[in-house]
């Protein structure tokens, strides 16, 4: 007599193996989803810092090199409600200014993005 089908042991092994595969897949998906929040914050912080830098470069083209004041200068365009944005302009030499933008998380005050730019008067 040809019995076709699975034994109880084969079904139990299949269920155990599929359960392990399912747990592994769900654990890796959970890890990826937890990391995506941090990645989103860092990406948004980098975009905010880049936008702030572009504002300074635009001011140089519109008003000239001398119109950019030195010191702690954070333009209103750079302010983001979710981050603490600080911009500092320092005079490197008479024809160069160093612009530094630091973006920190408002809740943890952890630095998410920092950019520096050397701006020349030409």
Foldseek 3Di string as FASTA:
>chain_A
DDDDDDDPVVVVVVVVVVVVVVVVVVVVVVVVVVVVVLVVVLVVQVVLQVVQVVVVVVCCVPPNDVVDDAAWDGDPSSDDPQWDKIWGWDDPDPFKIKIKIWIAGPPPRHTSDIDIDIDGGD
